[in-house]
């Protein structure tokens, strides 16, 4: 399926560390998120994991990707 990249914006997403109550420690989220999305999740971005994606790769109306999104899935196409 081909996306219409002319109607999408590029966004930076990151791996996010979240506090896990069960383990009393930090763990990496199964989602990638924008800086704002990480704040909404109560997490911290891992700056060196930044990748550029198109906004249609985010969950609808949210600032994070689907579960188990991998940086290798990030293909924003030509801009």
PDB file of N, CA and C in Angstrom:
ATOM      1  N   UNK A   1       0.841  -1.179   0.000  1.00  0.00           N
ATOM      2  CA  UNK A   1       0.000   0.000   0.000  1.00  0.00           C
ATOM      3  C   UNK A   1       0.888   1.246   0.000  1.00  0.00           C
ATOM      4  N   UNK A   2       0.652   2.119  -0.925  1.00  0.00           N
ATOM      5  CA  UNK A   2       1.446   3.335  -1.035  1.00  0.00           C
ATOM      6  C   UNK A   2       0.781   4.465  -0.271  1.00  0.00           C
ATOM      7  N   UNK A   3       1.570   5.186   0.514  1.00  0.00           N
ATOM      8  CA  UNK A   3       1.043   6.306   1.287  1.00  0.00           C
ATOM      9  C   UNK A   3       1.151   7.580   0.470  1.00  0.00           C
ATOM     10  N   UNK A   4       0.266   8.514   0.714  1.00  0.00           N
ATOM     11  CA  UNK A   4       0.349   9.822   0.084  1.00  0.00           C
ATOM     12  C   UNK A   4       1.235  10.699   0.945  1.00  0.00           C
ATOM     13  N   UNK A   5       2.521  10.708   0.655  1.00  0.00           N
ATOM     14  CA  UNK A   5       3.474  11.412   1.505  1.00  0.00           C
ATOM     15  C   UNK A   5       3.385  12.926   1.353  1.00  0.00           C
ATOM     16  N   UNK A   6       2.654  13.410   0.347  1.00  0.00           N
ATOM     17  CA  UNK A   6       2.508  14.848   0.190  1.00  0.00           C
ATOM     18  C   UNK A   6       1.606  15.444   1.265  1.00  0.00           C
ATOM     19  N   UNK A   7       0.728  14.633   1.857  1.00  0.00           N
ATOM     20  CA  UNK A   7      -0.197  15.119   2.875  1.00  0.00           C
ATOM     21  C   UNK A   7       0.218  14.728   4.283  1.00  0.00           C
ATOM     22  N   UNK A   8       1.452  14.322   4.473  1.00  0.00           N
ATOM     23  CA  UNK A   8       1.910  13.936   5.798  1.00  0.00           C
ATOM     24  C   UNK A   8       3.081  14.807   6.210  1.00  0.00           C
ATOM     25  N   UNK A   9       3.274  14.914   7.496  1.00  0.00           N
ATOM     26  CA  UNK A   9       4.401  15.665   8.041  1.00  0.00           C
ATOM     27  C   UNK A   9       5.435  14.693   8.573  1.00  0.00           C
ATOM     28  N   UNK A  10       6.671  15.136   8.572  1.00  0.00           N
ATOM     29  CA  UNK A  10       7.722  14.338   9.193  1.00  0.00           C
ATOM     30  C   UNK A  10       7.769  14.661  10.675  1.00  0.00           C
ATOM     31  N   UNK A  11       7.954  13.641  11.478  1.00  0.00           N
ATOM     32  CA  UNK A  11       8.068  13.822  12.923  1.00  0.00           C
ATOM     33  C   UNK A  11       9.223  12.981  13.443  1.00  0.00           C
ATOM     34  N   UNK A  12       9.828  13.453  14.507  1.00  0.00           N
ATOM     35  CA  UNK A  12      10.899  12.708  15.155  1.00  0.00           C
ATOM     36  C   UNK A  12      10.294  11.890  16.282  1.00  0.00           C
ATOM     37  N   UNK A  13      10.635  10.607  16.313  1.00  0.00           N
ATOM     38  CA  UNK A  13      10.215   9.742  17.413  1.00  0.00           C
ATOM     39  C   UNK A  13      11.439   9.083  18.032  1.00  0.00           C
ATOM     40  N   UNK A  14      11.281   8.660  19.255  1.00  0.00           N
ATOM     41  CA  UNK A  14      12.378   8.125  20.058  1.00  0.00           C
ATOM     42  C   UNK A  14      11.920   6.876  20.792  1.00  0.00           C
ATOM     43  N   UNK A  15      12.861   6.042  21.179  1.00  0.00           N
ATOM     44  CA  UNK A  15      12.565   5.024  22.178  1.00  0.00           C
ATOM     45  C   UNK A  15      12.359   5.767  23.491  1.00  0.00           C
ATOM     46  N   UNK A  16      11.526   5.190  24.344  1.00  0.00           N
ATOM     47  CA  UNK A  16      11.140   5.856  25.587  1.00  0.00           C
ATOM     48  C   UNK A  16      11.365   4.909  26.756  1.00  0.00           C
ATOM     49  N   UNK A  17      11.932   5.432  27.823  1.00  0.00           N
ATOM     50  CA  UNK A  17      12.068   4.668  29.060  1.00  0.00           C
ATOM     51  C   UNK A  17      10.935   5.051  29.997  1.00  0.00           C
ATOM     52  N   UNK A  18      10.299   4.033  30.563  1.00  0.00           N
ATOM     53  CA  UNK A  18       9.186   4.225  31.483  1.00  0.00           C
ATOM     54  C   UNK A  18       9.485   3.521  32.799  1.00  0.00           C
ATOM     55  N   UNK A  19       8.950   4.058  33.874  1.00  0.00           N
ATOM     56  CA  UNK A  19       9.096   3.415  35.177  1.00  0.00           C
ATOM     57  C   UNK A  19       8.105   2.264  35.275  1.00  0.00           C
ATOM     58  N   UNK A  20       8.580   1.110  35.708  1.00  0.00           N
ATOM     59  CA  UNK A  20       7.741  -0.067  35.878  1.00  0.00           C
ATOM     60  C   UNK A  20       7.545  -0.298  37.377  1.00  0.00           C
ATOM     61  N   UNK A  21       6.298  -0.161  37.829  1.00  0.00           N
ATOM     62  CA  UNK A  21       5.987  -0.345  39.254  1.00  0.00           C
ATOM     63  C   UNK A  21       6.296  -1.756  39.743  1.00  0.00           C
ATOM     64  N   UNK A  22       6.054  -2.746  38.902  1.00  0.00           N
ATOM     65  CA  UNK A  22       6.251  -4.137  39.313  1.00  0.00           C
ATOM     66  C   UNK A  22       7.710  -4.462  39.590  1.00  0.00           C
ATOM     67  N   UNK A  23       8.607  -3.900  38.766  1.00  0.00           N
ATOM     68  CA  UNK A  23      10.026  -4.210  38.937  1.00  0.00           C
ATOM     69  C   UNK A  23      10.778  -3.116  39.688  1.00  0.00           C
ATOM     70  N   UNK A  24      10.104  -1.997  39.945  1.00  0.00           N
ATOM     71  CA  UNK A  24      10.733  -0.837  40.586  1.00  0.00           C
ATOM     72  C   UNK A  24      11.969  -0.392  39.808  1.00  0.00           C
ATOM     73  N   UNK A  25      11.841  -0.411  38.498  1.00  0.00           N
ATOM     74  CA  UNK A  25      12.950   0.006  37.653  1.00  0.00           C
ATOM     75  C   UNK A  25      12.454   0.552  36.330  1.00  0.00           C
ATOM     76  N   UNK A  26      13.391   1.011  35.533  1.00  0.00           N
ATOM     77  CA  UNK A  26      13.064   1.568  34.227  1.00  0.00           C
ATOM     78  C   UNK A  26      13.041   0.458  33.182  1.00  0.00           C
ATOM     79  N   UNK A  27      12.179   0.610  32.194  1.00  0.00           N
ATOM     80  CA  UNK A  27      12.151  -0.320  31.076  1.00  0.00           C
ATOM     81  C   UNK A  27      11.819   0.448  29.809  1.00  0.00           C
ATOM     82  N   UNK A  28      12.236  -0.105  28.680  1.00  0.00           N
ATOM     83  CA  UNK A  28      11.974   0.526  27.392  1.00  0.00           C
ATOM     84  C   UNK A  28      10.548   0.223  26.960  1.00  0.00           C
ATOM     85  N   UNK A  29       9.845   1.271  26.526  1.00  0.00           N
ATOM     86  CA  UNK A  29       8.486   1.116  26.028  1.00  0.00           C
ATOM     87  C   UNK A  29       8.485   0.299  24.745  1.00  0.00           C
ATOM     88  N   UNK A  30       7.380  -0.371  24.467  1.00  0.00           N
ATOM     89  CA  UNK A  30       7.219  -1.103  23.211  1.00  0.00           C
ATOM     90  C   UNK A  30       6.792  -0.167  22.082  1.00  0.00           C
ATOM     91  N   UNK A  31       6.596   1.108  22.392  1.00  0.00           N
ATOM     92  CA  UNK A  31       6.245   2.116  21.399  1.00  0.00           C
ATOM     93  C   UNK A  31       7.390   3.114  21.267  1.00  0.00           C
ATOM     94  N   UNK A  32       7.430   3.793  20.135  1.00  0.00           N
ATOM     95  CA  UNK A  32       8.290   4.960  19.995  1.00  0.00           C
ATOM     96  C   UNK A  32       7.373   6.168  20.105  1.00  0.00           C
ATOM     97  N   UNK A  33       7.908   7.309  20.547  1.00  0.00           N
ATOM     98  CA  UNK A  33       7.059   8.473  20.777  1.00  0.00           C
ATOM     99  C   UNK A  33       7.804   9.756  20.459  1.00  0.00           C
ATOM    100  N   UNK A  34       7.021  10.807  20.196  1.00  0.00           N
ATOM    101  CA  UNK A  34       7.594  12.143  20.078  1.00  0.00           C
ATOM    102  C   UNK A  34       7.997  12.597  21.480  1.00  0.00           C
ATOM    103  N   UNK A  35       8.699  13.716  21.572  1.00  0.00           N
ATOM    104  CA  UNK A  35       9.043  14.231  22.903  1.00  0.00           C
ATOM    105  C   UNK A  35       7.785  14.486  23.718  1.00  0.00           C
ATOM    106  N   UNK A  36       6.776  15.095  23.093  1.00  0.00           N
ATOM    107  CA  UNK A  36       5.516  15.362  23.787  1.00  0.00           C
ATOM    108  C   UNK A  36       4.807  14.085  24.183  1.00  0.00           C
ATOM    109  N   UNK A  37       4.856  13.092  23.316  1.00  0.00           N
ATOM    110  CA  UNK A  37       4.234  11.809  23.621  1.00  0.00           C
ATOM    111  C   UNK A  37       4.899  11.129  24.804  1.00  0.00           C
ATOM    112  N   UNK A  38       6.222  11.209  24.854  1.00  0.00           N
ATOM    113  CA  UNK A  38       6.955  10.619  25.986  1.00  0.00           C
ATOM    114  C   UNK A  38       6.544  11.295  27.292  1.00  0.00           C
ATOM    115  N   UNK A  39       6.378  12.616  27.248  1.00  0.00           N
ATOM    116  CA  UNK A  39       5.944  13.332  28.456  1.00  0.00           C
ATOM    117  C   UNK A  39       4.552  12.874  28.871  1.00  0.00           C
ATOM    118  N   UNK A  40       3.639  12.713  27.906  1.00  0.00           N
ATOM    119  CA  UNK A  40       2.283  12.253  28.226  1.00  0.00           C
ATOM    120  C   UNK A  40       2.300  10.857  28.843  1.00  0.00           C
ATOM    121  N   UNK A  41       3.245  10.025  28.401  1.00  0.00           N
ATOM    122  CA  UNK A  41       3.364   8.662  28.921  1.00  0.00           C
ATOM    123  C   UNK A  41       4.034   8.643  30.288  1.00  0.00           C
ATOM    124  N   UNK A  42       4.634   9.758  30.679  1.00  0.00           N
ATOM    125  CA  UNK A  42       5.375   9.801  31.933  1.00  0.00           C
ATOM    126  C   UNK A  42       6.766   9.217  31.793  1.00  0.00           C
ATOM    127  N   UNK A  43       7.277   9.219  30.560  1.00  0.00           N
ATOM    128  CA  UNK A  43       8.573   8.623  30.285  1.00  0.00           C
ATOM    129  C   UNK A  43       9.630   9.633  29.895  1.00  0.00           C
ATOM    130  N   UNK A  44      10.794   9.110  29.578  1.00  0.00           N
ATOM    131  CA  UNK A  44      11.942   9.907  29.167  1.00  0.00           C
ATOM    132  C   UNK A  44      12.439   9.390  27.827  1.00  0.00           C
ATOM    133  N   UNK A  45      12.676  10.306  26.881  1.00  0.00           N
ATOM    134  CA  UNK A  45      13.192   9.867  25.581  1.00  0.00           C
ATOM    135  C   UNK A  45      14.640   9.417  25.703  1.00  0.00           C
ATOM    136  N   UNK A  46      15.056   8.562  24.799  1.00  0.00           N
ATOM    137  CA  UNK A  46      16.449   8.155  24.659  1.00  0.00           C
ATOM    138  C   UNK A  46      16.935   8.867  23.394  1.00  0.00           C
ATOM    139  N   UNK A  47      17.615  10.025  23.539  1.00  0.00           N
ATOM    140  CA  UNK A  47      17.914  10.901  22.400  1.00  0.00           C
ATOM    141  C   UNK A  47      18.619  10.226  21.232  1.00  0.00           C
ATOM    142  N   UNK A  48      19.525   9.316  21.513  1.00  0.00           N
ATOM    143  CA  UNK A  48      20.304   8.703  20.426  1.00  0.00           C
ATOM    144  C   UNK A  48      19.488   7.728  19.577  1.00  0.00           C
ATOM    145  N   UNK A  49      18.227   7.496  19.941  1.00  0.00           N
ATOM    146  CA  UNK A  49      17.381   6.577  19.174  1.00  0.00           C
ATOM    147  C   UNK A  49      16.455   7.308  18.206  1.00  0.00           C
ATOM    148  N   UNK A  50      16.638   8.595  18.043  1.00  0.00           N
ATOM    149  CA  UNK A  50      15.761   9.410  17.200  1.00  0.00           C
ATOM    150  C   UNK A  50      15.723   8.897  15.755  1.00  0.00           C
ATOM    151  N   UNK A  51      14.512   8.747  15.233  1.00  0.00           N
ATOM    152  CA  UNK A  51      14.301   8.427  13.819  1.00  0.00           C
ATOM    153  C   UNK A  51      13.207   9.338  13.288  1.00  0.00           C
ATOM    154  N   UNK A  52      13.236   9.558  12.000  1.00  0.00           N
ATOM    155  CA  UNK A  52      12.259  10.396  11.326  1.00  0.00           C
ATOM    156  C   UNK A  52      11.220   9.505  10.674  1.00  0.00           C
ATOM    157  N   UNK A  53       9.945   9.768  10.979  1.00  0.00           N
ATOM    158  CA  UNK A  53       8.847   9.017  10.371  1.00  0.00           C
ATOM    159  C   UNK A  53       7.828  10.011   9.830  1.00  0.00           C
ATOM    160  N   UNK A  54       6.842   9.511   9.122  1.00  0.00           N
ATOM    161  CA  UNK A  54       5.743  10.376   8.701  1.00  0.00           C
ATOM    162  C   UNK A  54       4.641  10.308   9.754  1.00  0.00           C
ATOM    163  N   UNK A  55       3.886  11.376   9.855  1.00  0.00           N
ATOM    164  CA  UNK A  55       2.859  11.464  10.902  1.00  0.00           C
ATOM    165  C   UNK A  55       1.809  10.368  10.788  1.00  0.00           C
ATOM    166  N   UNK A  56       1.619   9.802   9.597  1.00  0.00           N
ATOM    167  CA  UNK A  56       0.630   8.724   9.476  1.00  0.00           C
ATOM    168  C   UNK A  56       1.120   7.411  10.071  1.00  0.00           C
ATOM    169  N   UNK A  57       2.371   7.360  10.534  1.00  0.00           N
ATOM    170  CA  UNK A  57       2.872   6.172  11.220  1.00  0.00           C
ATOM    171  C   UNK A  57       2.615   6.238  12.727  1.00  0.00           C
ATOM    172  N   UNK A  58       2.055   7.367  13.200  1.00  0.00           N
ATOM    173  CA  UNK A  58       1.663   7.494  14.599  1.00  0.00           C
ATOM    174  C   UNK A  58       0.262   6.929  14.774  1.00  0.00           C
ATOM    175  N   UNK A  59      -0.046   6.497  15.990  1.00  0.00           N
ATOM    176  CA  UNK A  59      -1.409   6.075  16.286  1.00  0.00           C
ATOM    177  C   UNK A  59      -2.332   7.261  16.015  1.00  0.00           C
ATOM    178  N   UNK A  60      -3.510   6.998  15.534  1.00  0.00           N
ATOM    179  CA  UNK A  60      -4.450   8.045  15.157  1.00  0.00           C
ATOM    180  C   UNK A  60      -4.736   8.993  16.324  1.00  0.00           C
ATOM    181  N   UNK A  61      -4.397  10.259  16.146  1.00  0.00           N
ATOM    182  CA  UNK A  61      -4.651  11.270  17.161  1.00  0.00           C
ATOM    183  C   UNK A  61      -3.674  11.267  18.328  1.00  0.00           C
ATOM    184  N   UNK A  62      -2.629  10.458  18.258  1.00  0.00           N
ATOM    185  CA  UNK A  62      -1.682  10.345  19.370  1.00  0.00           C
ATOM    186  C   UNK A  62      -0.279  10.786  18.947  1.00  0.00           C
ATOM    187  N   UNK A  63       0.641  10.767  19.891  1.00  0.00           N
ATOM    188  CA  UNK A  63       2.022  11.161  19.642  1.00  0.00           C
ATOM    189  C   UNK A  63       2.974   9.981  19.810  1.00  0.00           C
ATOM    190  N   UNK A  64       2.481   8.775  19.555  1.00  0.00           N
ATOM    191  CA  UNK A  64       3.309   7.576  19.633  1.00  0.00           C
ATOM    192  C   UNK A  64       2.885   6.589  18.561  1.00  0.00           C
ATOM    193  N   UNK A  65       3.760   5.618  18.338  1.00  0.00           N
ATOM    194  CA  UNK A  65       3.524   4.607  17.306  1.00  0.00           C
ATOM    195  C   UNK A  65       2.732   3.435  17.883  1.00  0.00           C
ATOM    196  N   UNK A  66       2.384   2.522  17.010  1.00  0.00           N
ATOM    197  CA  UNK A  66       1.739   1.285  17.444  1.00  0.00           C
ATOM    198  C   UNK A  66       2.722   0.468  18.286  1.00  0.00           C
ATOM    199  N   UNK A  67       2.184  -0.478  19.034  1.00  0.00           N
ATOM    200  CA  UNK A  67       3.041  -1.379  19.812  1.00  0.00           C
ATOM    201  C   UNK A  67       4.026  -2.094  18.898  1.00  0.00           C
ATOM    202  N   UNK A  68       5.217  -2.300  19.407  1.00  0.00           N
ATOM    203  CA  UNK A  68       6.274  -3.049  18.726  1.00  0.00           C
ATOM    204  C   UNK A  68       6.756  -2.411  17.431  1.00  0.00           C
ATOM    205  N   UNK A  69       6.547  -1.095  17.276  1.00  0.00           N
ATOM    206  CA  UNK A  69       7.094  -0.370  16.132  1.00  0.00           C
ATOM    207  C   UNK A  69       8.610  -0.400  16.236  1.00  0.00           C
ATOM    208  N   UNK A  70       9.267  -0.704  15.141  1.00  0.00           N
ATOM    209  CA  UNK A  70      10.730  -0.767  15.116  1.00  0.00           C
ATOM    210  C   UNK A  70      11.278   0.390  14.280  1.00  0.00           C
ATOM    211  N   UNK A  71      12.415   0.911  14.670  1.00  0.00           N
ATOM    212  CA  UNK A  71      13.035   1.996  13.922  1.00  0.00           C
ATOM    213  C   UNK A  71      13.237   1.606  12.462  1.00  0.00           C
ATOM    214  N   UNK A  72      13.450   0.319  12.212  1.00  0.00           N
ATOM    215  CA  UNK A  72      13.653  -0.133  10.831  1.00  0.00           C
ATOM    216  C   UNK A  72      12.367  -0.008  10.011  1.00  0.00           C
ATOM    217  N   UNK A  73      11.203   0.154  10.688  1.00  0.00           N
ATOM    218  CA  UNK A  73       9.935   0.375   9.998  1.00  0.00           C
ATOM    219  C   UNK A  73       9.794   1.826   9.545  1.00  0.00           C
ATOM    220  N   UNK A  74      10.666   2.679  10.036  1.00  0.00           N
ATOM    221  CA  UNK A  74      10.578   4.111   9.724  1.00  0.00           C
ATOM    222  C   UNK A  74      11.095   4.363   8.326  1.00  0.00           C
ATOM    223  N   UNK A  75      10.197   4.642   7.433  1.00  0.00           N
ATOM    224  CA  UNK A  75      10.555   4.928   6.053  1.00  0.00           C
ATOM    225  C   UNK A  75       9.758   6.132   5.596  1.00  0.00           C
ATOM    226  N   UNK A  76      10.259   7.340   5.908  1.00  0.00           N
ATOM    227  CA  UNK A  76       9.463   8.526   5.600  1.00  0.00           C
ATOM    228  C   UNK A  76       9.392   8.859   4.120  1.00  0.00           C
ATOM    229  N   UNK A  77      10.138   8.163   3.304  1.00  0.00           N
ATOM    230  CA  UNK A  77      10.090   8.419   1.863  1.00  0.00           C
ATOM    231  C   UNK A  77      10.817   9.707   1.501  1.00  0.00           C
ATOM    232  N   UNK A  78      10.822  10.039   0.225  1.00  0.00           N
ATOM    233  CA  UNK A  78      11.536  11.256  -0.218  1.00  0.00           C
ATOM    234  C   UNK A  78      10.763  12.514   0.130  1.00  0.00           C
ATOM    235  N   UNK A  79      11.485  13.546   0.581  1.00  0.00           N
ATOM    236  CA  UNK A  79      10.868  14.828   0.885  1.00  0.00           C
ATOM    237  C   UNK A  79      11.653  15.915   0.197  1.00  0.00           C
TER     238      UNK A  79
END
